[in-house]
Amino acid sequence: MYFAALLARTEDGWEASDTELDDVETLSDLAELAREASVDDDTVIAFIEQEDAWFGVVRVDGEDDPRVYVSDAAAAARSSYGAMLTDELLGKDEDEDDDLDALDLDGTEDGEPEPEEEDSPAPAEVIPAGPVGDADVLSDLGVSAKELRALDTDALGQIADMLGAAEILEAVR
């Protein structure tokens, strides 16, 4: 089971809202959802957690690219929303295996020289067990990279507490 929430910074503090991720398929979709919750293009933090298995923090500041941190890439990659974040962080292209249009009948890409001998199979994709992304994503808000990496169970509650938004986040849980 997932828990997802948005914390939007305002001049009066933080506003929290729980959010449905049903229509979110990409990091861009999540960033757009966060921007819609923004007040005056200020900071919005999207939290995603899956039953204490992993958590993700996505920070959106105005129109800047989102900054992402995932606590355990291997655990997150096994879930749809976690995979959305880890694929982006690890540079995995969703369409790389599905694009058959650029292949010749012999399986080589258009314009690619044909191999002279059979290549060995590519090594299996390795997804690191442990954190990936920008551990300094919340440093300027009072949560250091070291503190973020040390979190495990109820990480989102602890982060909200460090941001001074624990009561607000608990109200939407």
C-alpha atoms as a PDB file:
ATOM      1  CA  MET A   1       0.000   0.000   0.000  1.00  0.00           C
ATOM      2  CA  TYR A   2       1.220   3.463  -0.900  1.00  0.00           C
ATOM      3  CA  PHE A   3       0.967   6.732   0.914  1.00  0.00           C
ATOM      4  CA  ALA A   4       1.498   9.879  -1.120  1.00  0.00           C
ATOM      5  CA  ALA A   5       1.238  13.480  -0.007  1.00  0.00           C
ATOM      6  CA  LEU A   6       2.253  16.923  -1.134  1.00  0.00           C
ATOM      7  CA  LEU A   7       3.702  19.584   1.145  1.00  0.00           C
ATOM      8  CA  ALA A   8       3.554  23.054  -0.355  1.00  0.00           C
ATOM      9  CA  ARG A   9       5.528  25.854   1.275  1.00  0.00           C
ATOM     10  CA  THR A  10       3.670  29.110   1.775  1.00  0.00           C
ATOM     11  CA  GLU A  11       4.590  32.329   3.528  1.00  0.00           C
ATOM     12  CA  ASP A  12       2.603  31.035   6.530  1.00  0.00           C
ATOM     13  CA  GLY A  13       4.366  27.650   6.683  1.00  0.00           C
ATOM     14  CA  TRP A  14       3.465  24.362   5.036  1.00  0.00           C
ATOM     15  CA  GLU A  15       0.168  23.159   3.556  1.00  0.00           C
ATOM     16  CA  ALA A  16      -0.335  19.420   3.155  1.00  0.00           C
ATOM     17  CA  SER A  17      -2.621  17.445   0.916  1.00  0.00           C
ATOM     18  CA  ASP A  18      -2.867  13.754   0.262  1.00  0.00           C
ATOM     19  CA  THR A  19      -2.741  12.902  -3.380  1.00  0.00           C
ATOM     20  CA  GLU A  20      -3.863  10.132  -5.660  1.00  0.00           C
ATOM     21  CA  LEU A  21      -1.219   8.854  -8.028  1.00  0.00           C
ATOM     22  CA  ASP A  22      -3.663   7.035 -10.325  1.00  0.00           C
ATOM     23  CA  ASP A  23      -3.008   9.417 -13.239  1.00  0.00           C
ATOM     24  CA  VAL A  24       0.740   9.726 -12.588  1.00  0.00           C
ATOM     25  CA  GLU A  25       2.810   7.635 -14.973  1.00  0.00           C
ATOM     26  CA  THR A  26       6.050   9.608 -15.198  1.00  0.00           C
ATOM     27  CA  LEU A  27       8.205  11.891 -13.096  1.00  0.00           C
ATOM     28  CA  SER A  28       7.003  14.752 -15.315  1.00  0.00           C
ATOM     29  CA  ASP A  29       3.396  13.933 -14.378  1.00  0.00           C
ATOM     30  CA  LEU A  30       4.326  13.985 -10.686  1.00  0.00           C
ATOM     31  CA  ALA A  31       6.181  17.288 -11.081  1.00  0.00           C
ATOM     32  CA  GLU A  32       3.155  18.801 -12.820  1.00  0.00           C
ATOM     33  CA  LEU A  33       0.884  17.594 -10.011  1.00  0.00           C
ATOM     34  CA  ALA A  34       3.244  19.236  -7.499  1.00  0.00           C
ATOM     35  CA  ARG A  35       3.328  22.491  -9.466  1.00  0.00           C
ATOM     36  CA  GLU A  36      -0.482  22.607  -9.379  1.00  0.00           C
ATOM     37  CA  ALA A  37      -0.300  22.494  -5.556  1.00  0.00           C
ATOM     38  CA  SER A  38       2.306  25.257  -5.441  1.00  0.00           C
ATOM     39  CA  VAL A  39       1.593  28.671  -3.989  1.00  0.00           C
ATOM     40  CA  ASP A  40       3.381  31.409  -5.963  1.00  0.00           C
ATOM     41  CA  ASP A  41       5.796  28.878  -7.563  1.00  0.00           C
ATOM     42  CA  ASP A  42       7.284  28.114  -4.152  1.00  0.00           C
ATOM     43  CA  THR A  43       8.685  24.756  -3.088  1.00  0.00           C
ATOM     44  CA  VAL A  44       6.501  21.654  -3.156  1.00  0.00           C
ATOM     45  CA  ILE A  45       7.670  18.334  -1.797  1.00  0.00           C
ATOM     46  CA  ALA A  46       5.992  15.142  -2.943  1.00  0.00           C
ATOM     47  CA  PHE A  47       6.320  12.203  -0.561  1.00  0.00           C
ATOM     48  CA  ILE A  48       5.742   8.633  -1.659  1.00  0.00           C
ATOM     49  CA  GLU A  49       6.085   5.705   0.728  1.00  0.00           C
ATOM     50  CA  GLN A  50       5.359   2.016   0.367  1.00  0.00           C
ATOM     51  CA  GLU A  51       4.705   0.304   3.710  1.00  0.00           C
ATOM     52  CA  ASP A  52       8.116   1.124   5.159  1.00  0.00           C
ATOM     53  CA  ALA A  53       9.829  -0.768   2.294  1.00  0.00           C
ATOM     54  CA  TRP A  54      11.063   2.445   0.657  1.00  0.00           C
ATOM     55  CA  PHE A  55      10.274   6.124   0.432  1.00  0.00           C
ATOM     56  CA  GLY A  56      10.816   8.798  -2.160  1.00  0.00           C
ATOM     57  CA  VAL A  57      11.069  12.549  -1.930  1.00  0.00           C
ATOM     58  CA  VAL A  58      10.522  14.676  -5.031  1.00  0.00           C
ATOM     59  CA  ARG A  59      11.165  18.390  -4.710  1.00  0.00           C
ATOM     60  CA  VAL A  60       9.770  20.836  -7.213  1.00  0.00           C
ATOM     61  CA  ASP A  61      10.825  24.488  -7.121  1.00  0.00           C
ATOM     62  CA  GLY A  62       8.840  26.478  -9.678  1.00  0.00           C
ATOM     63  CA  GLU A  63       9.720  25.422 -13.213  1.00  0.00           C
ATOM     64  CA  ASP A  64      13.087  23.903 -12.241  1.00  0.00           C
ATOM     65  CA  ASP A  65      13.655  20.218 -12.926  1.00  0.00           C
ATOM     66  CA  PRO A  66      12.460  18.053 -10.036  1.00  0.00           C
ATOM     67  CA  ARG A  67      15.058  16.783  -7.577  1.00  0.00           C
ATOM     68  CA  VAL A  68      14.558  13.190  -6.459  1.00  0.00           C
ATOM     69  CA  TYR A  69      15.753  10.966  -3.634  1.00  0.00           C
ATOM     70  CA  VAL A  70      14.775   7.307  -3.166  1.00  0.00           C
ATOM     71  CA  SER A  71      15.723   5.455   0.018  1.00  0.00           C
ATOM     72  CA  ASP A  72      16.150   1.987  -1.540  1.00  0.00           C
ATOM     73  CA  ALA A  73      16.344   1.725  -5.316  1.00  0.00           C
ATOM     74  CA  ALA A  74      16.106  -2.073  -5.453  1.00  0.00           C
ATOM     75  CA  ALA A  75      12.937  -2.157  -3.322  1.00  0.00           C
ATOM     76  CA  ALA A  76      11.409   0.803  -5.137  1.00  0.00           C
ATOM     77  CA  ALA A  77      12.134  -0.658  -8.589  1.00  0.00           C
ATOM     78  CA  ARG A  78       9.800  -3.554  -7.762  1.00  0.00           C
ATOM     79  CA  SER A  79       6.799  -1.214  -7.513  1.00  0.00           C
ATOM     80  CA  SER A  80       5.197   0.905 -10.198  1.00  0.00           C
ATOM     81  CA  TYR A  81       5.618   4.293  -8.531  1.00  0.00           C
ATOM     82  CA  GLY A  82       9.089   3.461  -7.275  1.00  0.00           C
ATOM     83  CA  ALA A  83      10.131   2.267 -10.728  1.00  0.00           C
ATOM     84  CA  MET A  84       8.954   5.580 -12.143  1.00  0.00           C
ATOM     85  CA  LEU A  85      11.455   7.347  -9.859  1.00  0.00           C
ATOM     86  CA  THR A  86      14.342   4.879 -10.091  1.00  0.00           C
ATOM     87  CA  ASP A  87      14.103   4.603 -13.895  1.00  0.00           C
ATOM     88  CA  GLU A  88      14.573   8.359 -14.093  1.00  0.00           C
ATOM     89  CA  LEU A  89      17.447   8.381 -11.589  1.00  0.00           C
ATOM     90  CA  LEU A  90      19.242   5.439 -13.204  1.00  0.00           C
ATOM     91  CA  GLY A  91      18.724   6.758 -16.717  1.00  0.00           C
ATOM     92  CA  LYS A  92      16.656   3.820 -17.891  1.00  0.00           C
ATOM     93  CA  ASP A  93      14.776   4.593 -21.085  1.00  0.00           C
ATOM     94  CA  GLU A  94      11.330   2.958 -21.001  1.00  0.00           C
ATOM     95  CA  ASP A  95      11.203   2.666 -24.767  1.00  0.00           C
ATOM     96  CA  GLU A  96      14.669   1.208 -25.313  1.00  0.00           C
ATOM     97  CA  ASP A  97      13.419  -2.377 -25.525  1.00  0.00           C
ATOM     98  CA  ASP A  98      10.141  -1.570 -27.237  1.00  0.00           C
ATOM     99  CA  ASP A  99      11.361   0.385 -30.244  1.00  0.00           C
ATOM    100  CA  LEU A 100      11.356  -2.202 -33.019  1.00  0.00           C
ATOM    101  CA  ASP A 101      10.691   0.357 -35.761  1.00  0.00           C
ATOM    102  CA  ALA A 102      14.378   1.309 -36.016  1.00  0.00           C
ATOM    103  CA  LEU A 103      15.526  -2.291 -36.451  1.00  0.00           C
ATOM    104  CA  ASP A 104      16.387  -3.930 -39.756  1.00  0.00           C
ATOM    105  CA  LEU A 105      15.120  -7.431 -40.411  1.00  0.00           C
ATOM    106  CA  ASP A 106      18.407  -8.865 -39.141  1.00  0.00           C
ATOM    107  CA  GLY A 107      17.888  -7.152 -35.757  1.00  0.00           C
ATOM    108  CA  THR A 108      20.510  -4.425 -36.170  1.00  0.00           C
ATOM    109  CA  GLU A 109      19.571  -0.781 -35.965  1.00  0.00           C
ATOM    110  CA  ASP A 110      19.350   1.182 -39.201  1.00  0.00           C
ATOM    111  CA  GLY A 111      22.805   2.291 -40.257  1.00  0.00           C
ATOM    112  CA  GLU A 112      24.527   0.120 -37.650  1.00  0.00           C
ATOM    113  CA  PRO A 113      27.262  -2.115 -39.030  1.00  0.00           C
ATOM    114  CA  GLU A 114      26.452  -5.791 -38.820  1.00  0.00           C
ATOM    115  CA  PRO A 115      28.437  -7.651 -36.178  1.00  0.00           C
ATOM    116  CA  GLU A 116      31.227  -9.837 -37.509  1.00  0.00           C
ATOM    117  CA  GLU A 117      30.864 -12.323 -34.700  1.00  0.00           C
ATOM    118  CA  GLU A 118      28.127 -12.996 -32.210  1.00  0.00           C
ATOM    119  CA  ASP A 119      28.282 -10.630 -29.265  1.00  0.00           C
ATOM    120  CA  SER A 120      27.947 -11.949 -25.755  1.00  0.00           C
ATOM    121  CA  PRO A 121      24.643 -11.097 -24.076  1.00  0.00           C
ATOM    122  CA  ALA A 122      24.474  -7.820 -22.216  1.00  0.00           C
ATOM    123  CA  PRO A 123      24.842  -8.100 -18.447  1.00  0.00           C
ATOM    124  CA  ALA A 124      21.616  -7.951 -16.483  1.00  0.00           C
ATOM    125  CA  GLU A 125      20.667  -4.493 -15.327  1.00  0.00           C
ATOM    126  CA  VAL A 126      21.836  -3.983 -11.773  1.00  0.00           C
ATOM    127  CA  ILE A 127      19.740  -1.784  -9.530  1.00  0.00           C
ATOM    128  CA  PRO A 128      21.569  -0.748  -6.378  1.00  0.00           C
ATOM    129  CA  ALA A 129      20.200  -1.784  -3.011  1.00  0.00           C
ATOM    130  CA  GLY A 130      20.229   1.417  -1.059  1.00  0.00           C
ATOM    131  CA  PRO A 131      19.658   5.098  -1.661  1.00  0.00           C
ATOM    132  CA  VAL A 132      19.862   6.829  -5.027  1.00  0.00           C
ATOM    133  CA  GLY A 133      19.326  10.399  -6.082  1.00  0.00           C
ATOM    134  CA  ASP A 134      19.961  13.770  -4.509  1.00  0.00           C
ATOM    135  CA  ALA A 135      20.471  13.211  -0.780  1.00  0.00           C
ATOM    136  CA  ASP A 136      20.834  16.992  -0.355  1.00  0.00           C
ATOM    137  CA  VAL A 137      17.305  17.543  -1.699  1.00  0.00           C
ATOM    138  CA  LEU A 138      16.142  18.925   1.679  1.00  0.00           C
ATOM    139  CA  SER A 139      19.419  20.256   3.112  1.00  0.00           C
ATOM    140  CA  ASP A 140      18.462  23.916   2.811  1.00  0.00           C
ATOM    141  CA  LEU A 141      15.208  23.115   4.641  1.00  0.00           C
ATOM    142  CA  GLY A 142      16.968  21.577   7.658  1.00  0.00           C
ATOM    143  CA  VAL A 143      17.234  17.877   6.718  1.00  0.00           C
ATOM    144  CA  SER A 144      20.852  16.995   5.954  1.00  0.00           C
ATOM    145  CA  ALA A 145      21.901  14.251   3.551  1.00  0.00           C
ATOM    146  CA  LYS A 146      23.214  12.232   6.503  1.00  0.00           C
ATOM    147  CA  GLU A 147      19.868  12.509   8.337  1.00  0.00           C
ATOM    148  CA  LEU A 148      17.923  11.598   5.192  1.00  0.00           C
ATOM    149  CA  ARG A 149      20.037   8.484   4.555  1.00  0.00           C
ATOM    150  CA  ALA A 150      19.610   7.357   8.189  1.00  0.00           C
ATOM    151  CA  LEU A 151      15.791   7.271   8.027  1.00  0.00           C
ATOM    152  CA  ASP A 152      13.901   4.007   7.662  1.00  0.00           C
ATOM    153  CA  THR A 153      10.504   3.329   9.263  1.00  0.00           C
ATOM    154  CA  ASP A 154       8.087   6.277   9.321  1.00  0.00           C
ATOM    155  CA  ALA A 155      10.623   8.292   7.360  1.00  0.00           C
ATOM    156  CA  LEU A 156       8.035  10.685   6.002  1.00  0.00           C
ATOM    157  CA  GLY A 157       6.764  11.477   9.492  1.00  0.00           C
ATOM    158  CA  GLN A 158      10.308  12.143  10.658  1.00  0.00           C
ATOM    159  CA  ILE A 159      11.049  14.364   7.655  1.00  0.00           C
ATOM    160  CA  ALA A 160       7.828  16.314   8.218  1.00  0.00           C
ATOM    161  CA  ASP A 161       8.798  16.706  11.878  1.00  0.00           C
ATOM    162  CA  MET A 162      12.201  18.132  10.906  1.00  0.00           C
ATOM    163  CA  LEU A 163      10.463  20.530   8.495  1.00  0.00           C
ATOM    164  CA  GLY A 164       8.003  21.615  11.198  1.00  0.00           C
ATOM    165  CA  ALA A 165       5.065  20.085   9.326  1.00  0.00           C
ATOM    166  CA  ALA A 166       4.412  16.853  11.246  1.00  0.00           C
ATOM    167  CA  GLU A 167       0.938  17.806  12.444  1.00  0.00           C
ATOM    168  CA  ILE A 168      -0.056  18.995   9.001  1.00  0.00           C
ATOM    169  CA  LEU A 169       1.140  15.770   7.350  1.00  0.00           C
ATOM    170  CA  GLU A 170      -0.542  13.583   9.989  1.00  0.00           C
ATOM    171  CA  ALA A 171      -3.833  15.364   9.309  1.00  0.00           C
ATOM    172  CA  VAL A 172      -3.826  14.039   5.722  1.00  0.00           C
ATOM    173  CA  ARG A 173      -2.663  10.522   6.612  1.00  0.00           C
END
